[in-house]
Amino acid sequence: MTSGDLRNKVREYVDTADVRLLKMLEAIAETYENEVNEPILDEDQYQILDSRREAHLKGESKSLSWEEVKRKIKSANS
């Protein structure tokens, strides 16, 4: 089912819904909005990431290429 099909189906539900169903749909939408707007990381976690990024950009931390990461994973599983 495409997103357009889903939208049409939801519109059908809304057009024929009683108050109880409309309240449930509203609660779902509000919960979704709250979750979408919540930051994934807290401020301390952002600060840690920022300091690690700065260290990486200055060449002060060790980093691996994607190929090196894949090789390490393969060798660890062998």
PDB file of N, CA and C in Angstrom:
ATOM      1  N   MET A   1       0.848  -1.176   0.000  1.00  0.00           N
ATOM      2  CA  MET A   1       0.000   0.000   0.000  1.00  0.00           C
ATOM      3  C   MET A   1       0.891   1.236   0.000  1.00  0.00           C
ATOM      4  N   THR A   2       0.616   2.165  -0.876  1.00  0.00           N
ATOM      5  CA  THR A   2       1.414   3.389  -0.978  1.00  0.00           C
ATOM      6  C   THR A   2       0.996   4.396   0.099  1.00  0.00           C
ATOM      7  N   SER A   3       1.804   5.423   0.267  1.00  0.00           N
ATOM      8  CA  SER A   3       1.448   6.453   1.252  1.00  0.00           C
ATOM      9  C   SER A   3       0.163   7.167   0.837  1.00  0.00           C
ATOM     10  N   GLY A   4      -0.041   7.344  -0.458  1.00  0.00           N
ATOM     11  CA  GLY A   4      -1.290   7.956  -0.932  1.00  0.00           C
ATOM     12  C   GLY A   4      -2.497   7.102  -0.605  1.00  0.00           C
ATOM     13  N   ASP A   5      -2.348   5.780  -0.773  1.00  0.00           N
ATOM     14  CA  ASP A   5      -3.435   4.862  -0.422  1.00  0.00           C
ATOM     15  C   ASP A   5      -3.755   4.947   1.069  1.00  0.00           C
ATOM     16  N   LEU A   6      -2.696   5.008   1.878  1.00  0.00           N
ATOM     17  CA  LEU A   6      -2.897   5.109   3.330  1.00  0.00           C
ATOM     18  C   LEU A   6      -3.601   6.407   3.703  1.00  0.00           C
ATOM     19  N   ARG A   7      -3.185   7.500   3.081  1.00  0.00           N
ATOM     20  CA  ARG A   7      -3.842   8.789   3.358  1.00  0.00           C
ATOM     21  C   ARG A   7      -5.330   8.725   3.023  1.00  0.00           C
ATOM     22  N   ASN A   8      -5.637   8.143   1.874  1.00  0.00           N
ATOM     23  CA  ASN A   8      -7.044   8.017   1.481  1.00  0.00           C
ATOM     24  C   ASN A   8      -7.823   7.167   2.471  1.00  0.00           C
ATOM     25  N   LYS A   9      -7.206   6.077   2.935  1.00  0.00           N
ATOM     26  CA  LYS A   9      -7.872   5.196   3.896  1.00  0.00           C
ATOM     27  C   LYS A   9      -8.129   5.942   5.207  1.00  0.00           C
ATOM     28  N   VAL A  10      -7.130   6.692   5.664  1.00  0.00           N
ATOM     29  CA  VAL A  10      -7.293   7.460   6.905  1.00  0.00           C
ATOM     30  C   VAL A  10      -8.385   8.510   6.731  1.00  0.00           C
ATOM     31  N   ARG A  11      -8.417   9.159   5.587  1.00  0.00           N
ATOM     32  CA  ARG A  11      -9.482  10.145   5.330  1.00  0.00           C
ATOM     33  C   ARG A  11     -10.862   9.490   5.385  1.00  0.00           C
ATOM     34  N   GLU A  12     -10.964   8.280   4.840  1.00  0.00           N
ATOM     35  CA  GLU A  12     -12.240   7.554   4.905  1.00  0.00           C
ATOM     36  C   GLU A  12     -12.637   7.302   6.360  1.00  0.00           C
ATOM     37  N   TYR A  13     -11.651   6.874   7.166  1.00  0.00           N
ATOM     38  CA  TYR A  13     -11.933   6.649   8.586  1.00  0.00           C
ATOM     39  C   TYR A  13     -12.396   7.935   9.254  1.00  0.00           C
ATOM     40  N   VAL A  14     -11.684   9.025   8.987  1.00  0.00           N
ATOM     41  CA  VAL A  14     -12.006  10.307   9.616  1.00  0.00           C
ATOM     42  C   VAL A  14     -13.389  10.787   9.190  1.00  0.00           C
ATOM     43  N   ASP A  15     -13.697  10.640   7.918  1.00  0.00           N
ATOM     44  CA  ASP A  15     -14.991  11.114   7.409  1.00  0.00           C
ATOM     45  C   ASP A  15     -16.173  10.380   8.031  1.00  0.00           C
ATOM     46  N   THR A  16     -15.970   9.135   8.441  1.00  0.00           N
ATOM     47  CA  THR A  16     -17.082   8.342   8.987  1.00  0.00           C
ATOM     48  C   THR A  16     -16.935   8.075  10.484  1.00  0.00           C
ATOM     49  N   ALA A  17     -15.913   8.649  11.104  1.00  0.00           N
ATOM     50  CA  ALA A  17     -15.598   8.319  12.492  1.00  0.00           C
ATOM     51  C   ALA A  17     -16.553   8.962  13.482  1.00  0.00           C
ATOM     52  N   ASP A  18     -16.742   8.239  14.585  1.00  0.00           N
ATOM     53  CA  ASP A  18     -17.464   8.832  15.703  1.00  0.00           C
ATOM     54  C   ASP A  18     -16.453   9.580  16.578  1.00  0.00           C
ATOM     55  N   VAL A  19     -16.933  10.237  17.601  1.00  0.00           N
ATOM     56  CA  VAL A  19     -16.070  11.058  18.458  1.00  0.00           C
ATOM     57  C   VAL A  19     -14.986  10.213  19.118  1.00  0.00           C
ATOM     58  N   ARG A  20     -15.319   9.013  19.518  1.00  0.00           N
ATOM     59  CA  ARG A  20     -14.355   8.131  20.191  1.00  0.00           C
ATOM     60  C   ARG A  20     -13.157   7.852  19.282  1.00  0.00           C
ATOM     61  N   LEU A  21     -13.412   7.493  18.029  1.00  0.00           N
ATOM     62  CA  LEU A  21     -12.322   7.219  17.098  1.00  0.00           C
ATOM     63  C   LEU A  21     -11.525   8.486  16.803  1.00  0.00           C
ATOM     64  N   LEU A  22     -12.202   9.604  16.659  1.00  0.00           N
ATOM     65  CA  LEU A  22     -11.496  10.861  16.407  1.00  0.00           C
ATOM     66  C   LEU A  22     -10.567  11.221  17.564  1.00  0.00           C
ATOM     67  N   LYS A  23     -11.014  10.973  18.795  1.00  0.00           N
ATOM     68  CA  LYS A  23     -10.163  11.241  19.961  1.00  0.00           C
ATOM     69  C   LYS A  23      -8.951  10.316  19.970  1.00  0.00           C
ATOM     70  N   MET A  24      -9.151   9.058  19.579  1.00  0.00           N
ATOM     71  CA  MET A  24      -8.026   8.125  19.510  1.00  0.00           C
ATOM     72  C   MET A  24      -7.020   8.569  18.445  1.00  0.00           C
ATOM     73  N   LEU A  25      -7.520   8.968  17.288  1.00  0.00           N
ATOM     74  CA  LEU A  25      -6.637   9.438  16.223  1.00  0.00           C
ATOM     75  C   LEU A  25      -5.877  10.688  16.652  1.00  0.00           C
ATOM     76  N   GLU A  26      -6.559  11.576  17.363  1.00  0.00           N
ATOM     77  CA  GLU A  26      -5.907  12.779  17.864  1.00  0.00           C
ATOM     78  C   GLU A  26      -4.793  12.421  18.847  1.00  0.00           C
ATOM     79  N   ALA A  27      -5.059  11.474  19.734  1.00  0.00           N
ATOM     80  CA  ALA A  27      -4.053  11.054  20.713  1.00  0.00           C
ATOM     81  C   ALA A  27      -2.841  10.443  20.014  1.00  0.00           C
ATOM     82  N   ILE A  28      -3.087   9.645  18.995  1.00  0.00           N
ATOM     83  CA  ILE A  28      -1.982   9.052  18.234  1.00  0.00           C
ATOM     84  C   ILE A  28      -1.156  10.152  17.572  1.00  0.00           C
ATOM     85  N   ALA A  29      -1.830  11.107  16.944  1.00  0.00           N
ATOM     86  CA  ALA A  29      -1.130  12.198  16.261  1.00  0.00           C
ATOM     87  C   ALA A  29      -0.324  13.034  17.249  1.00  0.00           C
ATOM     88  N   GLU A  30      -0.877  13.324  18.411  1.00  0.00           N
ATOM     89  CA  GLU A  30      -0.162  14.112  19.413  1.00  0.00           C
ATOM     90  C   GLU A  30       1.055  13.363  19.934  1.00  0.00           C
ATOM     91  N   THR A  31       0.899  12.071  20.183  1.00  0.00           N
ATOM     92  CA  THR A  31       2.025  11.260  20.642  1.00  0.00           C
ATOM     93  C   THR A  31       3.129  11.255  19.600  1.00  0.00           C
ATOM     94  N   TYR A  32       2.750  11.080  18.348  1.00  0.00           N
ATOM     95  CA  TYR A  32       3.723  11.088  17.255  1.00  0.00           C
ATOM     96  C   TYR A  32       4.450  12.425  17.197  1.00  0.00           C
ATOM     97  N   GLU A  33       3.717  13.519  17.270  1.00  0.00           N
ATOM     98  CA  GLU A  33       4.332  14.848  17.213  1.00  0.00           C
ATOM     99  C   GLU A  33       5.309  15.045  18.364  1.00  0.00           C
ATOM    100  N   ASN A  34       4.939  14.611  19.559  1.00  0.00           N
ATOM    101  CA  ASN A  34       5.820  14.762  20.714  1.00  0.00           C
ATOM    102  C   ASN A  34       7.099  13.958  20.533  1.00  0.00           C
ATOM    103  N   GLU A  35       6.984  12.738  20.002  1.00  0.00           N
ATOM    104  CA  GLU A  35       8.159  11.899  19.803  1.00  0.00           C
ATOM    105  C   GLU A  35       9.058  12.456  18.714  1.00  0.00           C
ATOM    106  N   VAL A  36       8.473  12.979  17.651  1.00  0.00           N
ATOM    107  CA  VAL A  36       9.258  13.527  16.548  1.00  0.00           C
ATOM    108  C   VAL A  36      10.028  14.754  17.004  1.00  0.00           C
ATOM    109  N   ASN A  37       9.449  15.559  17.869  1.00  0.00           N
ATOM    110  CA  ASN A  37      10.070  16.808  18.298  1.00  0.00           C
ATOM    111  C   ASN A  37      11.039  16.645  19.457  1.00  0.00           C
ATOM    112  N   GLU A  38      11.079  15.459  20.072  1.00  0.00           N
ATOM    113  CA  GLU A  38      12.003  15.232  21.171  1.00  0.00           C
ATOM    114  C   GLU A  38      13.406  15.023  20.623  1.00  0.00           C
ATOM    115  N   PRO A  39      14.402  15.666  21.229  1.00  0.00           N
ATOM    116  CA  PRO A  39      15.768  15.409  20.775  1.00  0.00           C
ATOM    117  C   PRO A  39      16.162  13.966  21.091  1.00  0.00           C
ATOM    118  N   ILE A  40      16.915  13.383  20.199  1.00  0.00           N
ATOM    119  CA  ILE A  40      17.351  12.001  20.395  1.00  0.00           C
ATOM    120  C   ILE A  40      18.423  11.935  21.470  1.00  0.00           C
ATOM    121  N   LEU A  41      19.283  12.946  21.507  1.00  0.00           N
ATOM    122  CA  LEU A  41      20.359  12.996  22.486  1.00  0.00           C
ATOM    123  C   LEU A  41      20.114  14.143  23.455  1.00  0.00           C
ATOM    124  N   ASP A  42      20.583  13.965  24.696  1.00  0.00           N
ATOM    125  CA  ASP A  42      20.474  15.077  25.634  1.00  0.00           C
ATOM    126  C   ASP A  42      21.691  15.998  25.465  1.00  0.00           C
ATOM    127  N   GLU A  43      21.708  17.100  26.183  1.00  0.00           N
ATOM    128  CA  GLU A  43      22.754  18.114  26.005  1.00  0.00           C
ATOM    129  C   GLU A  43      24.143  17.561  26.304  1.00  0.00           C
ATOM    130  N   ASP A  44      24.278  16.743  27.353  1.00  0.00           N
ATOM    131  CA  ASP A  44      25.583  16.156  27.682  1.00  0.00           C
ATOM    132  C   ASP A  44      26.094  15.279  26.544  1.00  0.00           C
ATOM    133  N   GLN A  45      25.201  14.510  25.943  1.00  0.00           N
ATOM    134  CA  GLN A  45      25.606  13.644  24.835  1.00  0.00           C
ATOM    135  C   GLN A  45      26.044  14.469  23.628  1.00  0.00           C
ATOM    136  N   TYR A  46      25.346  15.578  23.352  1.00  0.00           N
ATOM    137  CA  TYR A  46      25.761  16.466  22.266  1.00  0.00           C
ATOM    138  C   TYR A  46      27.152  17.039  22.537  1.00  0.00           C
ATOM    139  N   GLN A  47      27.418  17.403  23.782  1.00  0.00           N
ATOM    140  CA  GLN A  47      28.725  17.968  24.115  1.00  0.00           C
ATOM    141  C   GLN A  47      29.832  16.939  23.924  1.00  0.00           C
ATOM    142  N   ILE A  48      29.568  15.693  24.306  1.00  0.00           N
ATOM    143  CA  ILE A  48      30.551  14.625  24.105  1.00  0.00           C
ATOM    144  C   ILE A  48      30.829  14.444  22.615  1.00  0.00           C
ATOM    145  N   LEU A  49      29.759  14.393  21.823  1.00  0.00           N
ATOM    146  CA  LEU A  49      29.942  14.251  20.375  1.00  0.00           C
ATOM    147  C   LEU A  49      30.719  15.420  19.786  1.00  0.00           C
ATOM    148  N   ASP A  50      30.404  16.632  20.239  1.00  0.00           N
ATOM    149  CA  ASP A  50      31.116  17.808  19.732  1.00  0.00           C
ATOM    150  C   ASP A  50      32.605  17.743  20.059  1.00  0.00           C
ATOM    151  N   SER A  51      32.936  17.348  21.285  1.00  0.00           N
ATOM    152  CA  SER A  51      34.354  17.286  21.656  1.00  0.00           C
ATOM    153  C   SER A  51      35.068  16.178  20.887  1.00  0.00           C
ATOM    154  N   ARG A  52      34.402  15.054  20.668  1.00  0.00           N
ATOM    155  CA  ARG A  52      35.013  13.978  19.877  1.00  0.00           C
ATOM    156  C   ARG A  52      35.193  14.402  18.421  1.00  0.00           C
ATOM    157  N   ARG A  53      34.229  15.131  17.891  1.00  0.00           N
ATOM    158  CA  ARG A  53      34.326  15.618  16.511  1.00  0.00           C
ATOM    159  C   ARG A  53      35.490  16.588  16.376  1.00  0.00           C
ATOM    160  N   GLU A  54      35.613  17.497  17.332  1.00  0.00           N
ATOM    161  CA  GLU A  54      36.720  18.454  17.305  1.00  0.00           C
ATOM    162  C   GLU A  54      38.061  17.725  17.353  1.00  0.00           C
ATOM    163  N   ALA A  55      38.170  16.727  18.228  1.00  0.00           N
ATOM    164  CA  ALA A  55      39.410  15.953  18.320  1.00  0.00           C
ATOM    165  C   ALA A  55      39.696  15.249  16.996  1.00  0.00           C
ATOM    166  N   HIS A  56      38.676  14.722  16.371  1.00  0.00           N
ATOM    167  CA  HIS A  56      38.849  14.055  15.074  1.00  0.00           C
ATOM    168  C   HIS A  56      39.319  15.046  14.016  1.00  0.00           C
ATOM    169  N   LEU A  57      38.686  16.210  13.953  1.00  0.00           N
ATOM    170  CA  LEU A  57      39.051  17.204  12.949  1.00  0.00           C
ATOM    171  C   LEU A  57      40.479  17.722  13.145  1.00  0.00           C
ATOM    172  N   LYS A  58      40.940  17.738  14.395  1.00  0.00           N
ATOM    173  CA  LYS A  58      42.301  18.190  14.682  1.00  0.00           C
ATOM    174  C   LYS A  58      43.321  17.067  14.526  1.00  0.00           C
ATOM    175  N   GLY A  59      42.851  15.846  14.232  1.00  0.00           N
ATOM    176  CA  GLY A  59      43.753  14.705  14.085  1.00  0.00           C
ATOM    177  C   GLY A  59      44.235  14.164  15.414  1.00  0.00           C
ATOM    178  N   GLU A  60      43.522  14.458  16.479  1.00  0.00           N
ATOM    179  CA  GLU A  60      43.923  14.047  17.823  1.00  0.00           C
ATOM    180  C   GLU A  60      43.306  12.720  18.250  1.00  0.00           C
ATOM    181  N   SER A  61      42.484  12.134  17.417  1.00  0.00           N
ATOM    182  CA  SER A  61      41.864  10.858  17.776  1.00  0.00           C
ATOM    183  C   SER A  61      42.054   9.872  16.633  1.00  0.00           C
ATOM    184  N   LYS A  62      42.017   8.604  16.980  1.00  0.00           N
ATOM    185  CA  LYS A  62      42.185   7.571  15.968  1.00  0.00           C
ATOM    186  C   LYS A  62      40.845   7.341  15.279  1.00  0.00           C
ATOM    187  N   SER A  63      40.904   7.208  13.981  1.00  0.00           N
ATOM    188  CA  SER A  63      39.692   6.880  13.239  1.00  0.00           C
ATOM    189  C   SER A  63      40.030   5.834  12.189  1.00  0.00           C
ATOM    190  N   LEU A  64      39.009   5.143  11.736  1.00  0.00           N
ATOM    191  CA  LEU A  64      39.181   4.079  10.751  1.00  0.00           C
ATOM    192  C   LEU A  64      38.337   4.372   9.528  1.00  0.00           C
ATOM    193  N   SER A  65      38.824   3.934   8.387  1.00  0.00           N
ATOM    194  CA  SER A  65      38.001   4.021   7.184  1.00  0.00           C
ATOM    195  C   SER A  65      36.936   2.932   7.262  1.00  0.00           C
ATOM    196  N   TRP A  66      35.930   3.062   6.421  1.00  0.00           N
ATOM    197  CA  TRP A  66      34.867   2.058   6.395  1.00  0.00           C
ATOM    198  C   TRP A  66      35.440   0.694   6.026  1.00  0.00           C
ATOM    199  N   GLU A  67      36.397   0.654   5.114  1.00  0.00           N
ATOM    200  CA  GLU A  67      37.027  -0.610   4.717  1.00  0.00           C
ATOM    201  C   GLU A  67      37.761  -1.238   5.898  1.00  0.00           C
ATOM    202  N   GLU A  68      38.455  -0.424   6.698  1.00  0.00           N
ATOM    203  CA  GLU A  68      39.149  -0.943   7.879  1.00  0.00           C
ATOM    204  C   GLU A  68      38.157  -1.507   8.894  1.00  0.00           C
ATOM    205  N   VAL A  69      37.057  -0.837   9.075  1.00  0.00           N
ATOM    206  CA  VAL A  69      36.028  -1.318  10.003  1.00  0.00           C
ATOM    207  C   VAL A  69      35.511  -2.672   9.548  1.00  0.00           C
ATOM    208  N   LYS A  70      35.207  -2.802   8.260  1.00  0.00           N
ATOM    209  CA  LYS A  70      34.697  -4.077   7.739  1.00  0.00           C
ATOM    210  C   LYS A  70      35.729  -5.189   7.903  1.00  0.00           C
ATOM    211  N   ARG A  71      37.012  -4.887   7.645  1.00  0.00           N
ATOM    212  CA  ARG A  71      38.063  -5.898   7.824  1.00  0.00           C
ATOM    213  C   ARG A  71      38.152  -6.341   9.281  1.00  0.00           C
ATOM    214  N   LYS A  72      38.073  -5.386  10.198  1.00  0.00           N
ATOM    215  CA  LYS A  72      38.147  -5.733  11.625  1.00  0.00           C
ATOM    216  C   LYS A  72      36.979  -6.625  12.039  1.00  0.00           C
ATOM    217  N   ILE A  73      35.796  -6.317  11.543  1.00  0.00           N
ATOM    218  CA  ILE A  73      34.620  -7.122  11.870  1.00  0.00           C
ATOM    219  C   ILE A  73      34.782  -8.527  11.328  1.00  0.00           C
ATOM    220  N   LYS A  74      35.233  -8.638  10.079  1.00  0.00           N
ATOM    221  CA  LYS A  74      35.426  -9.962   9.474  1.00  0.00           C
ATOM    222  C   LYS A  74      36.469 -10.765  10.231  1.00  0.00           C
ATOM    223  N   SER A  75      37.566 -10.125  10.623  1.00  0.00           N
ATOM    224  CA  SER A  75      38.616 -10.853  11.334  1.00  0.00           C
ATOM    225  C   SER A  75      38.162 -11.245  12.739  1.00  0.00           C
ATOM    226  N   ALA A  76      37.323 -10.449  13.355  1.00  0.00           N
ATOM    227  CA  ALA A  76      36.811 -10.781  14.688  1.00  0.00           C
ATOM    228  C   ALA A  76      35.849 -11.960  14.633  1.00  0.00           C
ATOM    229  N   ASN A  77      35.155 -12.112  13.520  1.00  0.00           N
ATOM    230  CA  ASN A  77      34.195 -13.205  13.369  1.00  0.00           C
ATOM    231  C   ASN A  77      34.839 -14.484  12.864  1.00  0.00           C
ATOM    232  N   SER A  78      36.112 -14.437  12.519  1.00  0.00           N
ATOM    233  CA  SER A  78      36.792 -15.631  11.982  1.00  0.00           C
ATOM    234  C   SER A  78      37.378 -16.483  13.069  1.00  0.00           C
TER     235      SER A  78
END
